[in-house]
Amino acid sequence: MTTLLYNINELLQIREQNVSKVAGAEMATLPTLKNSYLVIENDTIAAFGEMKDCPSTPFDLKMNAAGKTVLPAWCDSHTHLVYAGNRVQEFVDRINGLSYEEIANKGGGILNSAKKLNATSEDDLYEQSKIRVLEVMRQGTGAIEIKSGYGLTVEGELKMLRVIKRLAQHFPIAIKATFLGAHAFPTEYKENHSDYIALLINEMLPKIAQEELASFIDVFLETGYFSVEETNVLLEAGKRYGLLPKVHVNQFTTINGIKACVDHNALSVDHLEIVSEADIEALKNSETMPVALPLCSYFISIPYTPARLLLNAGLPLALASDFNPGTTPSGNMNFVVATACIKMKMTPEEAINAATLNGAYAMGIAETHGSITVGKKANLILTKPIDSYYQLPYEFGSNLIDKVFINGEIINS
């Protein structure tokens, strides 16, 4: 199958194969090509260039993209998309003044989701999750990371990871799985952390490795959840089973968790709503990608990741949705990009870089996703006619997507 997109008004995020991420001032530059064409062969970007060089050979499909923009599909590197039911009552509780901690203390939060998930069959969980995957694909997401963490039992965590694996087998979108058994301490282990950590290490991790259910390990490293010391133990155990760290950290407090993650060569550190100078120093000269989750800040009214502070320090930054039932019930990466521009004062160029190339890096797939590069997957967004890609965050409430290509095929026509 060969496809030609021609008369493209502007082709965004053109990169050489050796560019896997951008940082600091580089993030303000988004390489583009106007009046261009792009060739897809099967599932791969085969060529692109100026219209004056457009090939005249036959194609199976030719599409006139006059007035339209083409950019890579979004790479969402942090989600909890597999969950049961919802937590809509907590939404109302927050409106009525309850804090995240108060909701958790009355049985809400992560433990609420765990209770619902453990009462849900694997097939039912798959059917609920399938609807969400289809939704985010139509919204332009071409790669996504999905975490466990709402089981908090051996059976529940394995159930979640098996559903993630099943989604990856049945949908063309690139899906990466993360083991987040250390999302919270179950009620029965609230005063006995060591036994739950032993359960994670001695029972869950061997089964996950045996069934090849995850690529990454995550921990909610936060005051009141998992300490730096506990995180160190868990990340070391995960690495013994070949799981690379991707860690929740600095959502509410800073407790030297970022340095610990960097010391473990974490692929990413996610949230970072609270950042200290020591955290920034720890990230400098590391290969760890900071990941901001602006929709979480938007939904539960906590501070936004200080993007300008990170970028001015020369660091990279990725954007992800944090799609989950409690604090971010949306996987719409278009709104993520808009919110980053509006609330975090990122430029459109910075936000698009963060949600494509750097997002791909933060889930370990920058070699195949995240930019318009010959040889990468043909995961693309074709916009409706627009004057400028600045309209994508500017018209934050409008759907400006005409078509989405995943592996070279149109999935939303």
Protein backbone atom coordinates (compact mmCIF):
# COMPACT_ATOMS: atom_id res chain seq x y z
CA MET A 1 0.00 0.00 0.00
CA THR A 2 1.45 3.35 -1.07
CA THR A 3 -0.05 6.70 -0.12
CA LEU A 4 0.83 10.20 -1.26
CA LEU A 5 -0.15 13.31 0.67
CA TYR A 6 0.46 16.30 -1.57
CA ASN A 7 0.04 20.08 -1.48
CA ILE A 8 0.61 19.93 2.30
CA ASN A 9 0.50 23.50 3.56
CA GLU A 10 3.05 22.74 6.30
CA LEU A 11 4.82 19.57 7.41
CA LEU A 12 5.87 19.77 11.08
CA GLN A 13 8.59 18.10 13.14
CA ILE A 14 11.04 17.06 10.43
CA ARG A 15 14.04 15.39 12.01
CA GLU A 16 17.08 13.31 11.16
CA GLN A 17 17.10 9.78 12.54
CA ASN A 18 19.80 10.56 15.10
CA VAL A 19 17.70 13.20 16.92
CA SER A 20 15.99 11.35 19.77
CA LYS A 21 15.05 14.33 21.99
CA VAL A 22 15.42 18.09 22.25
CA ALA A 23 16.25 20.15 25.33
CA GLY A 24 16.39 23.71 26.61
CA ALA A 25 16.52 26.38 23.90
CA GLU A 26 16.35 23.69 21.18
CA MET A 27 12.74 23.07 22.15
CA ALA A 28 11.75 26.47 20.78
CA THR A 29 12.60 25.30 17.26
CA LEU A 30 10.17 23.10 15.34
CA PRO A 31 11.58 22.21 11.90
CA THR A 32 8.91 22.54 9.21
CA LEU A 33 8.52 22.37 5.45
CA LYS A 34 5.88 24.35 3.57
CA ASN A 35 4.17 23.40 0.30
CA SER A 36 5.30 19.82 0.63
CA TYR A 37 4.48 16.16 0.01
CA LEU A 38 4.85 12.97 2.05
CA VAL A 39 4.99 9.36 0.84
CA ILE A 40 3.87 6.40 2.95
CA GLU A 41 4.80 2.82 2.05
CA ASN A 42 2.77 0.33 4.06
CA ASP A 43 3.32 1.46 7.68
CA THR A 44 6.39 3.64 7.15
CA ILE A 45 7.31 7.18 6.12
CA ALA A 46 9.17 6.59 2.85
CA ALA A 47 9.90 10.12 1.62
CA PHE A 48 8.96 13.77 1.90
CA GLY A 49 10.02 17.03 0.34
CA GLU A 50 8.97 20.16 -1.50
CA MET A 51 6.11 19.95 -3.97
CA LYS A 52 8.41 20.83 -6.87
CA ASP A 53 10.05 17.42 -6.28
CA CYS A 54 6.82 15.47 -5.76
CA PRO A 55 7.03 12.04 -7.41
CA SER A 56 4.73 11.35 -10.35
CA THR A 57 4.74 7.56 -10.00
CA PRO A 58 1.43 5.75 -9.38
CA PHE A 59 0.12 5.47 -5.81
CA ASP A 60 -2.63 3.35 -4.31
CA LEU A 61 -4.03 6.44 -2.59
CA LYS A 62 -3.44 10.12 -3.32
CA MET A 63 -4.75 12.77 -0.95
CA ASN A 64 -4.77 16.50 -1.60
CA ALA A 65 -3.79 18.22 1.67
CA ALA A 66 -4.11 21.80 0.40
CA GLY A 67 -4.43 24.23 3.30
CA LYS A 68 -3.77 21.48 5.82
CA THR A 69 -0.92 20.71 8.22
CA VAL A 70 0.68 17.31 8.84
CA LEU A 71 2.47 16.47 12.07
CA PRO A 72 3.46 13.31 13.94
CA ALA A 73 0.76 11.66 16.02
CA TRP A 74 1.00 12.41 19.73
CA CYS A 75 3.15 10.17 21.94
CA ASP A 76 1.48 9.94 25.36
CA SER A 77 4.12 8.56 27.74
CA HIS A 78 2.12 8.48 30.99
CA THR A 79 -1.40 7.07 31.39
CA HIS A 80 -3.50 4.85 33.65
CA LEU A 81 -5.96 4.13 30.85
CA VAL A 82 -6.90 0.62 32.07
CA TYR A 83 -9.32 1.06 34.96
CA ALA A 84 -12.81 -0.01 36.06
CA GLY A 85 -15.77 2.33 36.37
CA ASN A 86 -15.11 5.94 37.37
CA ARG A 87 -14.60 8.17 40.39
CA VAL A 88 -17.13 10.83 39.52
CA GLN A 89 -18.23 11.24 43.16
CA GLU A 90 -14.70 12.37 44.04
CA PHE A 91 -15.00 15.06 41.38
CA VAL A 92 -17.99 16.43 43.29
CA ASP A 93 -16.19 15.98 46.63
CA ARG A 94 -13.37 18.21 45.39
CA ILE A 95 -15.87 20.85 44.28
CA ASN A 96 -17.25 20.71 47.82
CA GLY A 97 -13.82 21.42 49.25
CA LEU A 98 -12.22 18.06 50.05
CA SER A 99 -8.50 17.72 49.32
CA TYR A 100 -6.74 14.82 47.55
CA GLU A 101 -5.56 13.57 50.95
CA GLU A 102 -9.00 13.89 52.57
CA ILE A 103 -10.62 11.96 49.72
CA ALA A 104 -7.99 9.21 50.10
CA ASN A 105 -8.51 9.05 53.87
CA LYS A 106 -12.25 8.39 53.42
CA GLY A 107 -11.62 5.43 51.13
CA GLY A 108 -11.40 7.29 47.84
CA GLY A 109 -8.48 7.77 45.51
CA ILE A 110 -6.33 4.90 44.33
CA LEU A 111 -7.84 2.42 46.81
CA ASN A 112 -11.31 3.20 45.44
CA SER A 113 -10.15 2.30 41.93
CA ALA A 114 -8.45 -0.83 43.26
CA LYS A 115 -11.66 -2.02 44.90
CA LYS A 116 -13.60 -1.57 41.65
CA LEU A 117 -10.92 -3.17 39.50
CA ASN A 118 -10.59 -6.28 41.64
CA ALA A 119 -14.37 -6.77 41.39
CA THR A 120 -14.27 -6.51 37.57
CA SER A 121 -13.57 -9.43 35.25
CA GLU A 122 -10.64 -9.32 32.86
CA ASP A 123 -12.96 -9.36 29.85
CA ASP A 124 -15.08 -6.52 31.22
CA LEU A 125 -11.95 -4.52 32.01
CA TYR A 126 -10.71 -5.05 28.46
CA GLU A 127 -14.03 -3.90 26.97
CA GLN A 128 -14.03 -0.72 29.08
CA SER A 129 -10.40 0.03 28.21
CA LYS A 130 -10.88 -0.66 24.51
CA ILE A 131 -13.32 2.26 24.27
CA ARG A 132 -10.70 4.61 25.72
CA VAL A 133 -7.97 3.41 23.35
CA LEU A 134 -10.23 4.03 20.36
CA GLU A 135 -11.06 7.49 21.68
CA VAL A 136 -7.45 8.62 22.12
CA MET A 137 -6.49 7.23 18.71
CA ARG A 138 -9.19 9.34 17.09
CA GLN A 139 -7.86 12.33 19.03
CA GLY A 140 -4.47 11.86 17.40
CA THR A 141 -2.50 9.68 19.81
CA GLY A 142 -0.29 7.21 17.97
CA ALA A 143 1.71 5.78 20.88
CA ILE A 144 0.77 5.37 24.52
CA GLU A 145 2.18 4.06 27.78
CA ILE A 146 -0.29 2.38 30.14
CA LYS A 147 0.38 1.56 33.79
CA SER A 148 -0.99 -1.02 36.15
CA GLY A 149 -1.45 0.09 39.77
CA TYR A 150 -5.18 -0.23 40.39
CA GLY A 151 -4.94 -3.90 41.37
CA LEU A 152 -2.60 -3.76 44.37
CA THR A 153 -2.98 -7.55 44.60
CA VAL A 154 -1.14 -10.23 42.67
CA GLU A 155 -4.29 -11.14 40.73
CA GLY A 156 -5.35 -7.52 40.15
CA GLU A 157 -1.99 -6.31 38.88
CA LEU A 158 -1.60 -9.29 36.55
CA LYS A 159 -5.15 -8.75 35.30
CA MET A 160 -4.36 -5.15 34.38
CA LEU A 161 -1.10 -6.01 32.65
CA ARG A 162 -2.74 -8.82 30.69
CA VAL A 163 -5.41 -6.38 29.52
CA ILE A 164 -2.68 -3.94 28.43
CA LYS A 165 -0.94 -6.76 26.53
CA ARG A 166 -4.25 -7.69 24.90
CA LEU A 167 -4.84 -4.09 23.83
CA ALA A 168 -1.36 -4.01 22.29
CA GLN A 169 -2.14 -7.18 20.33
CA HIS A 170 -5.47 -5.93 18.97
CA PHE A 171 -4.83 -2.27 18.17
CA PRO A 172 -2.31 -0.71 15.77
CA ILE A 173 -1.31 2.02 18.22
CA ALA A 174 2.08 1.47 19.88
CA ILE A 175 1.41 0.47 23.52
CA LYS A 176 4.05 0.17 26.25
CA ALA A 177 3.23 -1.37 29.64
CA THR A 178 4.47 -0.22 33.04
CA PHE A 179 4.20 -2.16 36.31
CA LEU A 180 2.98 0.22 39.04
CA GLY A 181 2.15 -2.17 41.85
CA ALA A 182 3.77 0.45 44.10
CA HIS A 183 0.97 2.94 43.48
CA ALA A 184 -0.32 2.89 47.07
CA PHE A 185 -0.27 0.62 50.10
CA PRO A 186 -3.41 -1.52 50.38
CA THR A 187 -5.33 -1.02 53.62
CA GLU A 188 -4.10 -4.30 55.10
CA TYR A 189 -0.48 -3.22 54.57
CA LYS A 190 -0.87 0.39 55.69
CA GLU A 191 1.22 -0.25 58.81
CA ASN A 192 3.29 -3.05 57.30
CA HIS A 193 5.08 -1.64 54.28
CA SER A 194 7.83 -4.26 54.23
CA ASP A 195 5.43 -7.15 53.65
CA TYR A 196 3.73 -5.40 50.71
CA ILE A 197 7.09 -4.57 49.17
CA ALA A 198 8.06 -8.21 49.59
CA LEU A 199 4.83 -9.19 47.81
CA LEU A 200 5.68 -6.89 44.91
CA ILE A 201 9.22 -8.24 44.62
CA ASN A 202 8.79 -11.93 45.39
CA GLU A 203 5.39 -12.70 43.87
CA MET A 204 4.40 -10.05 41.32
CA LEU A 205 7.69 -9.33 39.57
CA PRO A 206 8.58 -12.97 38.77
CA LYS A 207 5.13 -13.58 37.23
CA ILE A 208 5.29 -10.33 35.24
CA ALA A 209 8.71 -11.28 33.89
CA GLN A 210 7.59 -14.81 33.09
CA GLU A 211 4.64 -13.59 31.02
CA GLU A 212 6.59 -10.62 29.57
CA LEU A 213 3.88 -8.22 30.69
CA ALA A 214 5.82 -4.98 31.19
CA SER A 215 8.76 -2.94 29.93
CA PHE A 216 8.95 -0.46 32.82
CA ILE A 217 8.59 -0.26 36.59
CA ASP A 218 7.04 2.75 38.33
CA VAL A 219 6.64 3.84 41.96
CA PHE A 220 4.55 6.62 43.49
CA LEU A 221 7.50 8.26 45.22
CA GLU A 222 5.77 10.81 47.42
CA THR A 223 5.25 11.83 51.03
CA GLY A 224 2.61 9.49 52.47
CA TYR A 225 3.14 6.89 49.75
CA PHE A 226 6.53 5.31 48.95
CA SER A 227 9.71 6.71 50.47
CA VAL A 228 13.03 7.18 48.71
CA GLU A 229 14.41 4.16 50.52
CA GLU A 230 11.45 1.98 49.55
CA THR A 231 11.68 3.22 45.97
CA ASN A 232 15.37 2.33 45.78
CA VAL A 233 14.59 -1.25 46.80
CA LEU A 234 11.77 -1.57 44.26
CA LEU A 235 13.68 -0.05 41.35
CA GLU A 236 16.65 -2.33 42.00
CA ALA A 237 14.32 -5.33 42.03
CA GLY A 238 12.65 -4.19 38.81
CA LYS A 239 15.98 -3.79 37.06
CA ARG A 240 16.88 -7.38 37.97
CA TYR A 241 13.87 -8.41 35.90
CA GLY A 242 14.77 -6.09 33.02
CA LEU A 243 12.26 -3.34 33.85
CA LEU A 244 13.48 0.21 33.27
CA PRO A 245 12.38 2.83 35.84
CA LYS A 246 9.75 5.48 35.00
CA VAL A 247 8.72 7.15 38.24
CA HIS A 248 5.93 9.33 39.71
CA VAL A 249 7.77 11.97 41.76
CA ASN A 250 7.41 15.53 43.14
CA GLN A 251 3.66 15.76 42.66
CA PHE A 252 3.07 17.33 46.06
CA THR A 253 6.47 17.52 47.81
CA THR A 254 10.16 17.34 47.03
CA ILE A 255 12.05 14.74 49.11
CA ASN A 256 15.19 14.17 47.02
CA GLY A 257 13.29 11.63 44.95
CA ILE A 258 14.46 12.96 41.59
CA LYS A 259 18.11 12.38 42.47
CA ALA A 260 17.28 8.82 43.48
CA CYS A 261 15.54 8.25 40.14
CA VAL A 262 18.45 9.71 38.18
CA ASP A 263 20.84 7.51 40.14
CA HIS A 264 18.81 4.54 38.91
CA ASN A 265 19.04 5.82 35.30
CA ALA A 266 15.28 6.30 35.14
CA LEU A 267 13.97 6.83 31.62
CA SER A 268 11.61 9.50 32.93
CA VAL A 269 10.49 11.30 36.07
CA ASP A 270 6.84 12.31 35.88
CA HIS A 271 4.70 15.03 37.50
CA LEU A 272 7.31 17.51 38.89
CA GLU A 273 4.69 20.03 39.96
CA ILE A 274 7.10 20.91 42.79
CA VAL A 275 10.75 21.35 41.74
CA SER A 276 13.79 22.51 43.74
CA GLU A 277 17.17 23.73 42.58
CA ALA A 278 18.63 20.44 43.83
CA ASP A 279 16.16 18.56 41.61
CA ILE A 280 17.23 20.57 38.57
CA GLU A 281 20.91 19.95 39.32
CA ALA A 282 20.21 16.22 39.61
CA LEU A 283 18.59 16.21 36.17
CA LYS A 284 21.39 18.10 34.44
CA ASN A 285 23.74 15.89 32.42
CA SER A 286 21.43 12.90 32.89
CA GLU A 287 19.52 10.89 30.28
CA THR A 288 16.30 11.11 32.32
CA MET A 289 13.34 12.88 30.70
CA PRO A 290 11.18 15.14 32.92
CA VAL A 291 7.48 14.68 32.07
CA ALA A 292 4.78 17.23 32.86
CA LEU A 293 1.12 16.27 33.26
CA PRO A 294 -0.79 19.56 32.96
CA LEU A 295 -4.28 18.08 32.87
CA CYS A 296 -3.79 16.69 36.37
CA SER A 297 -2.93 20.19 37.60
CA TYR A 298 -5.93 21.57 35.71
CA PHE A 299 -8.39 19.00 37.07
CA ILE A 300 -7.43 18.95 40.76
CA SER A 301 -6.17 22.55 41.01
CA ILE A 302 -2.57 21.91 42.03
CA PRO A 303 0.47 23.84 40.73
CA TYR A 304 1.64 23.30 37.17
CA THR A 305 5.08 21.90 36.41
CA PRO A 306 7.40 24.95 36.14
CA ALA A 307 8.22 24.43 32.47
CA ARG A 308 10.12 27.68 32.04
CA LEU A 309 12.38 26.88 35.01
CA LEU A 310 13.25 23.48 33.52
CA LEU A 311 13.77 24.75 29.97
CA ASN A 312 15.82 27.74 31.08
CA ALA A 313 18.08 25.29 32.90
CA GLY A 314 18.72 23.55 29.57
CA LEU A 315 16.62 20.50 30.37
CA PRO A 316 14.26 18.62 28.05
CA LEU A 317 10.56 18.24 28.83
CA ALA A 318 7.85 15.87 27.64
CA LEU A 319 4.09 16.26 27.95
CA ALA A 320 1.67 13.44 28.73
CA SER A 321 -1.98 13.14 29.67
CA ASP A 322 -1.97 11.15 32.95
CA PHE A 323 -5.33 9.72 31.78
CA ASN A 324 -6.86 8.16 34.92
CA PRO A 325 -10.26 8.00 36.65
CA GLY A 326 -9.43 10.16 39.66
CA THR A 327 -7.27 13.13 38.75
CA THR A 328 -7.29 13.29 34.93
CA PRO A 329 -10.28 11.62 33.28
CA SER A 330 -9.10 12.60 29.79
CA GLY A 331 -6.49 11.34 27.37
CA ASN A 332 -6.93 14.21 24.92
CA MET A 333 -3.38 15.21 24.01
CA ASN A 334 -4.66 18.19 22.01
CA PHE A 335 -5.91 19.67 25.27
CA VAL A 336 -2.63 18.72 26.96
CA VAL A 337 -0.70 20.77 24.39
CA ALA A 338 -3.12 23.69 24.70
CA THR A 339 -2.98 23.64 28.51
CA ALA A 340 0.82 23.60 28.44
CA CYS A 341 0.77 26.73 26.29
CA ILE A 342 -1.94 28.53 28.24
CA LYS A 343 -1.01 27.62 31.82
CA MET A 344 2.67 26.64 31.67
CA LYS A 345 3.67 29.38 29.18
CA MET A 346 5.25 26.94 26.76
CA THR A 347 5.35 28.12 23.16
CA PRO A 348 3.47 26.01 20.59
CA GLU A 349 6.83 24.84 19.26
CA GLU A 350 7.95 23.70 22.70
CA ALA A 351 4.66 22.00 23.45
CA ILE A 352 4.56 20.10 20.14
CA ASN A 353 8.17 18.98 20.61
CA ALA A 354 7.26 17.84 24.14
CA ALA A 355 4.19 15.89 23.00
CA THR A 356 5.81 14.17 20.02
CA LEU A 357 9.58 13.60 19.92
CA ASN A 358 10.24 13.95 23.65
CA GLY A 359 7.14 11.93 24.46
CA ALA A 360 8.47 9.12 22.28
CA TYR A 361 11.80 9.30 24.11
CA ALA A 362 10.01 9.08 27.47
CA MET A 363 8.53 5.71 26.47
CA GLY A 364 11.61 4.35 24.75
CA ILE A 365 10.38 4.49 21.16
CA ALA A 366 12.12 7.55 19.71
CA GLU A 367 13.75 5.38 17.03
CA THR A 368 10.36 4.62 15.48
CA HIS A 369 7.95 7.37 16.58
CA GLY A 370 7.65 11.05 17.37
CA SER A 371 8.88 12.84 14.24
CA ILE A 372 8.58 13.08 10.47
CA THR A 373 11.62 10.97 9.65
CA VAL A 374 12.18 8.56 6.78
CA GLY A 375 11.97 5.05 8.18
CA LYS A 376 9.76 5.91 11.15
CA LYS A 377 6.19 4.72 11.54
CA ALA A 378 3.62 6.62 9.50
CA ASN A 379 1.67 7.79 12.56
CA LEU A 380 0.35 11.18 11.50
CA ILE A 381 -2.21 13.84 12.18
CA LEU A 382 -3.71 15.59 9.14
CA THR A 383 -5.43 18.77 10.28
CA LYS A 384 -8.41 20.52 8.81
CA PRO A 385 -7.50 23.65 6.81
CA ILE A 386 -5.74 26.05 9.20
CA ASP A 387 -3.69 29.20 8.70
CA SER A 388 -1.07 28.28 11.32
CA TYR A 389 -0.24 25.39 13.62
CA TYR A 390 -0.58 27.95 16.41
CA GLN A 391 -4.32 27.38 16.03
CA LEU A 392 -3.94 23.91 17.54
CA PRO A 393 -3.45 25.26 21.10
CA TYR A 394 -5.24 28.56 20.42
CA GLU A 395 -8.55 26.94 19.45
CA PHE A 396 -8.33 24.60 22.43
CA GLY A 397 -12.00 23.66 22.40
CA SER A 398 -12.22 22.82 18.70
CA ASN A 399 -11.44 19.57 16.94
CA LEU A 400 -9.01 20.61 14.20
CA ILE A 401 -8.11 17.04 13.19
CA ASP A 402 -9.28 15.86 9.79
CA LYS A 403 -7.66 12.42 9.71
CA VAL A 404 -5.35 10.29 11.83
CA PHE A 405 -2.98 7.75 10.28
CA ILE A 406 -1.70 4.88 12.42
CA ASN A 407 0.88 2.64 10.76
CA GLY A 408 -0.03 4.25 7.45
CA GLU A 409 -3.76 3.54 7.67
CA ILE A 410 -6.54 6.06 8.22
CA ILE A 411 -8.33 5.12 11.44
CA ASN A 412 -11.02 7.79 11.81
CA SER A 413 -12.65 8.41 8.44
